[in-house]
Amino acid sequence: MRVGEAIKKYRLERKMTQKQLADSIHFSVSYVSDIERNRTVPALKTLSLIADALDVEVSMIVRSRCCYQRLTERGEKQYSDFEICKSCPLNDFE
């Protein structure tokens, strides 16, 4: 499952609309929609805000995907099918 799909899954489980999530993290509905449709990858800080709003750990959103740090360092911000590697800073959230 991609990051956007995981965010949408947790949002729907909480019976939350995209607008409610967007309002809680202070971003636009269109940005939340782009994340859920895997058109963009949120920054780590934004992932943390989303996780807090959904009452889940960041690791639950990005679990078993490729290393976020490596992809963002290469500037691949549009790629959202990633795994966490052992050196990834996302491991700090587990």
N, C-alpha and C. Protein backbone atom coordinates (compact mmCIF):
# COMPACT_ATOMS: atom_id res chain seq x y z
N MET A 1 0.84 -1.18 0.00
CA MET A 1 0.00 0.00 0.00
C MET A 1 0.89 1.25 0.00
N ARG A 2 0.59 2.17 -0.86
CA ARG A 2 1.34 3.42 -0.94
C ARG A 2 0.95 4.35 0.20
N VAL A 3 1.78 5.35 0.41
CA VAL A 3 1.56 6.29 1.51
C VAL A 3 0.19 6.96 1.41
N GLY A 4 -0.16 7.46 0.24
CA GLY A 4 -1.45 8.12 0.07
C GLY A 4 -2.62 7.20 0.35
N GLU A 5 -2.49 5.96 -0.08
CA GLU A 5 -3.56 4.99 0.16
C GLU A 5 -3.70 4.70 1.65
N ALA A 6 -2.57 4.64 2.35
CA ALA A 6 -2.61 4.40 3.80
C ALA A 6 -3.27 5.58 4.51
N ILE A 7 -2.91 6.79 4.12
CA ILE A 7 -3.52 7.98 4.73
C ILE A 7 -5.02 7.97 4.51
N LYS A 8 -5.43 7.69 3.29
CA LYS A 8 -6.87 7.65 2.98
C LYS A 8 -7.57 6.56 3.81
N LYS A 9 -6.95 5.40 3.91
CA LYS A 9 -7.52 4.29 4.68
C LYS A 9 -7.76 4.71 6.14
N TYR A 10 -6.73 5.27 6.77
CA TYR A 10 -6.88 5.69 8.17
C TYR A 10 -7.87 6.84 8.32
N ARG A 11 -7.88 7.74 7.35
CA ARG A 11 -8.84 8.86 7.40
C ARG A 11 -10.27 8.34 7.33
N LEU A 12 -10.53 7.43 6.41
CA LEU A 12 -11.87 6.87 6.26
C LEU A 12 -12.28 6.03 7.46
N GLU A 13 -11.34 5.29 8.04
CA GLU A 13 -11.63 4.51 9.24
C GLU A 13 -12.10 5.42 10.38
N ARG A 14 -11.62 6.65 10.37
CA ARG A 14 -11.99 7.61 11.42
C ARG A 14 -13.17 8.48 11.02
N LYS A 15 -13.77 8.12 9.87
CA LYS A 15 -14.93 8.85 9.36
C LYS A 15 -14.64 10.35 9.25
N MET A 16 -13.45 10.65 8.76
CA MET A 16 -12.98 12.02 8.61
C MET A 16 -12.99 12.38 7.13
N THR A 17 -13.41 13.57 6.81
CA THR A 17 -13.38 14.03 5.42
C THR A 17 -11.99 14.59 5.11
N GLN A 18 -11.72 14.76 3.81
CA GLN A 18 -10.47 15.40 3.42
C GLN A 18 -10.41 16.81 3.97
N LYS A 19 -11.52 17.50 3.99
CA LYS A 19 -11.56 18.87 4.51
C LYS A 19 -11.22 18.89 6.00
N GLN A 20 -11.76 17.95 6.75
CA GLN A 20 -11.46 17.90 8.19
C GLN A 20 -9.97 17.63 8.41
N LEU A 21 -9.40 16.71 7.64
CA LEU A 21 -7.97 16.43 7.77
C LEU A 21 -7.15 17.66 7.37
N ALA A 22 -7.51 18.26 6.25
CA ALA A 22 -6.79 19.45 5.77
C ALA A 22 -6.85 20.57 6.80
N ASP A 23 -8.01 20.80 7.37
CA ASP A 23 -8.16 21.85 8.38
C ASP A 23 -7.29 21.56 9.61
N SER A 24 -7.23 20.30 10.00
CA SER A 24 -6.49 19.94 11.21
C SER A 24 -4.97 20.07 11.03
N ILE A 25 -4.49 19.96 9.79
CA ILE A 25 -3.05 20.08 9.55
C ILE A 25 -2.69 21.42 8.89
N HIS A 26 -3.71 22.25 8.65
CA HIS A 26 -3.52 23.59 8.08
C HIS A 26 -2.94 23.56 6.67
N PHE A 27 -3.48 22.65 5.86
CA PHE A 27 -3.15 22.58 4.45
C PHE A 27 -4.45 22.57 3.65
N SER A 28 -4.35 22.72 2.35
CA SER A 28 -5.55 22.75 1.52
C SER A 28 -6.11 21.35 1.27
N VAL A 29 -7.39 21.31 0.95
CA VAL A 29 -8.03 20.04 0.60
C VAL A 29 -7.38 19.46 -0.65
N SER A 30 -7.02 20.31 -1.59
CA SER A 30 -6.40 19.81 -2.83
C SER A 30 -5.05 19.16 -2.54
N TYR A 31 -4.31 19.68 -1.56
CA TYR A 31 -3.03 19.07 -1.19
C TYR A 31 -3.26 17.69 -0.57
N VAL A 32 -4.23 17.58 0.32
CA VAL A 32 -4.56 16.28 0.92
C VAL A 32 -4.99 15.30 -0.17
N SER A 33 -5.79 15.78 -1.10
CA SER A 33 -6.23 14.94 -2.21
C SER A 33 -5.04 14.46 -3.04
N ASP A 34 -4.10 15.36 -3.33
CA ASP A 34 -2.91 14.97 -4.09
C ASP A 34 -2.08 13.93 -3.35
N ILE A 35 -1.99 14.07 -2.04
CA ILE A 35 -1.26 13.07 -1.24
C ILE A 35 -1.97 11.72 -1.33
N GLU A 36 -3.28 11.73 -1.12
CA GLU A 36 -4.03 10.47 -1.14
C GLU A 36 -4.02 9.79 -2.50
N ARG A 37 -3.88 10.58 -3.55
CA ARG A 37 -3.83 10.01 -4.90
C ARG A 37 -2.40 9.74 -5.34
N ASN A 38 -1.46 9.86 -4.40
CA ASN A 38 -0.05 9.59 -4.65
C ASN A 38 0.54 10.47 -5.75
N ARG A 39 0.03 11.68 -5.85
CA ARG A 39 0.57 12.64 -6.81
C ARG A 39 1.73 13.42 -6.21
N THR A 40 1.82 13.43 -4.89
CA THR A 40 2.91 14.11 -4.20
C THR A 40 3.22 13.36 -2.91
N VAL A 41 4.43 13.51 -2.45
CA VAL A 41 4.86 12.91 -1.19
C VAL A 41 5.02 14.03 -0.17
N PRO A 42 4.33 13.94 0.95
CA PRO A 42 4.48 14.99 1.96
C PRO A 42 5.85 14.94 2.63
N ALA A 43 6.30 16.09 3.07
CA ALA A 43 7.55 16.17 3.83
C ALA A 43 7.37 15.40 5.14
N LEU A 44 8.47 15.03 5.76
CA LEU A 44 8.42 14.28 7.01
C LEU A 44 7.62 15.03 8.08
N LYS A 45 7.81 16.33 8.16
CA LYS A 45 7.06 17.13 9.14
C LYS A 45 5.55 17.06 8.86
N THR A 46 5.18 17.11 7.59
CA THR A 46 3.76 17.01 7.22
C THR A 46 3.23 15.62 7.51
N LEU A 47 4.03 14.58 7.24
CA LEU A 47 3.62 13.21 7.59
C LEU A 47 3.36 13.10 9.08
N SER A 48 4.19 13.75 9.87
CA SER A 48 4.01 13.73 11.31
C SER A 48 2.70 14.42 11.71
N LEU A 49 2.39 15.55 11.08
CA LEU A 49 1.12 16.24 11.36
C LEU A 49 -0.07 15.38 10.97
N ILE A 50 0.02 14.74 9.82
CA ILE A 50 -1.07 13.87 9.35
C ILE A 50 -1.24 12.70 10.31
N ALA A 51 -0.14 12.08 10.70
CA ALA A 51 -0.21 10.95 11.63
C ALA A 51 -0.86 11.38 12.94
N ASP A 52 -0.47 12.54 13.45
CA ASP A 52 -1.08 13.04 14.69
C ASP A 52 -2.59 13.26 14.52
N ALA A 53 -2.96 13.85 13.40
CA ALA A 53 -4.38 14.12 13.14
C ALA A 53 -5.19 12.83 13.03
N LEU A 54 -4.55 11.79 12.52
CA LEU A 54 -5.23 10.50 12.35
C LEU A 54 -5.02 9.57 13.55
N ASP A 55 -4.25 10.03 14.52
CA ASP A 55 -3.96 9.26 15.73
C ASP A 55 -3.30 7.91 15.40
N VAL A 56 -2.29 7.98 14.52
CA VAL A 56 -1.48 6.80 14.18
C VAL A 56 -0.02 7.21 14.22
N GLU A 57 0.87 6.24 14.22
CA GLU A 57 2.30 6.50 14.14
C GLU A 57 2.68 6.71 12.67
N VAL A 58 3.68 7.53 12.42
CA VAL A 58 4.17 7.73 11.05
C VAL A 58 4.55 6.39 10.44
N SER A 59 5.15 5.54 11.24
CA SER A 59 5.58 4.23 10.73
C SER A 59 4.42 3.40 10.21
N MET A 60 3.22 3.61 10.74
CA MET A 60 2.05 2.87 10.24
C MET A 60 1.67 3.35 8.84
N ILE A 61 1.93 4.61 8.55
CA ILE A 61 1.60 5.16 7.24
C ILE A 61 2.62 4.71 6.20
N VAL A 62 3.89 4.68 6.57
CA VAL A 62 4.93 4.38 5.59
C VAL A 62 5.51 2.97 5.72
N ARG A 63 4.94 2.16 6.59
CA ARG A 63 5.44 0.81 6.85
C ARG A 63 5.65 0.01 5.56
N SER A 64 6.75 -0.68 5.51
CA SER A 64 7.14 -1.61 4.43
C SER A 64 7.19 -0.95 3.06
N ARG A 65 7.70 0.25 3.02
CA ARG A 65 7.95 0.94 1.75
C ARG A 65 9.40 1.39 1.69
N CYS A 66 9.87 1.86 0.56
CA CYS A 66 11.29 2.18 0.35
C CYS A 66 11.76 3.42 1.12
N CYS A 67 13.01 3.58 1.31
CA CYS A 67 13.58 4.61 2.17
C CYS A 67 13.21 6.03 1.76
N TYR A 68 12.46 6.67 2.59
CA TYR A 68 12.00 8.05 2.36
C TYR A 68 13.19 8.99 2.26
N GLN A 69 14.17 8.83 3.13
CA GLN A 69 15.32 9.72 3.15
C GLN A 69 16.06 9.69 1.82
N ARG A 70 16.34 8.51 1.31
CA ARG A 70 17.08 8.38 0.06
C ARG A 70 16.33 9.03 -1.09
N LEU A 71 15.04 8.82 -1.17
CA LEU A 71 14.25 9.37 -2.27
C LEU A 71 14.17 10.89 -2.19
N THR A 72 13.95 11.42 -1.00
CA THR A 72 13.83 12.87 -0.89
C THR A 72 15.16 13.55 -1.11
N GLU A 73 16.25 12.91 -0.74
CA GLU A 73 17.57 13.48 -1.00
C GLU A 73 17.84 13.56 -2.49
N ARG A 74 17.30 12.63 -3.26
CA ARG A 74 17.48 12.65 -4.71
C ARG A 74 16.45 13.55 -5.38
N GLY A 75 15.55 14.13 -4.59
CA GLY A 75 14.57 15.05 -5.15
C GLY A 75 13.40 14.37 -5.83
N GLU A 76 13.17 13.11 -5.53
CA GLU A 76 12.07 12.38 -6.16
C GLU A 76 10.80 12.57 -5.35
N LYS A 77 10.33 13.79 -5.28
CA LYS A 77 9.20 14.13 -4.43
C LYS A 77 7.87 13.56 -4.94
N GLN A 78 7.81 13.21 -6.22
CA GLN A 78 6.56 12.69 -6.77
C GLN A 78 6.42 11.18 -6.58
N TYR A 79 7.47 10.50 -6.16
CA TYR A 79 7.44 9.05 -6.01
C TYR A 79 7.01 8.69 -4.60
N SER A 80 5.98 7.90 -4.47
CA SER A 80 5.46 7.65 -3.13
C SER A 80 5.32 6.18 -2.78
N ASP A 81 5.93 5.29 -3.55
CA ASP A 81 5.89 3.88 -3.22
C ASP A 81 7.25 3.52 -2.64
N PHE A 82 7.42 3.73 -1.34
CA PHE A 82 8.74 3.54 -0.75
C PHE A 82 8.74 2.71 0.51
N GLU A 83 9.91 2.14 0.81
CA GLU A 83 10.11 1.31 1.99
C GLU A 83 11.04 2.01 2.96
N ILE A 84 10.92 1.69 4.23
CA ILE A 84 11.82 2.25 5.24
C ILE A 84 13.03 1.33 5.36
N CYS A 85 14.22 1.91 5.24
CA CYS A 85 15.43 1.12 5.46
C CYS A 85 15.93 1.38 6.87
N LYS A 86 16.91 0.60 7.31
CA LYS A 86 17.40 0.71 8.69
C LYS A 86 18.01 2.07 9.00
N SER A 87 18.56 2.75 8.01
CA SER A 87 19.18 4.06 8.25
C SER A 87 18.20 5.22 8.12
N CYS A 88 16.97 4.94 7.79
CA CYS A 88 15.97 5.99 7.54
C CYS A 88 15.57 6.67 8.86
N PRO A 89 15.44 8.00 8.84
CA PRO A 89 15.02 8.71 10.05
C PRO A 89 13.60 8.36 10.48
N LEU A 90 12.82 7.77 9.59
CA LEU A 90 11.47 7.38 9.98
C LEU A 90 11.48 6.28 11.02
N ASN A 91 12.59 5.55 11.12
CA ASN A 91 12.70 4.51 12.14
C ASN A 91 12.64 5.10 13.54
N ASP A 92 12.94 6.39 13.69
CA ASP A 92 12.86 7.05 14.98
C ASP A 92 11.43 7.10 15.51
N PHE A 93 10.44 6.95 14.61
CA PHE A 93 9.05 7.02 15.01
C PHE A 93 8.51 5.69 15.50
N GLU A 94 9.27 4.61 15.28
CA GLU A 94 8.78 3.30 15.68
C GLU A 94 9.08 3.01 17.12
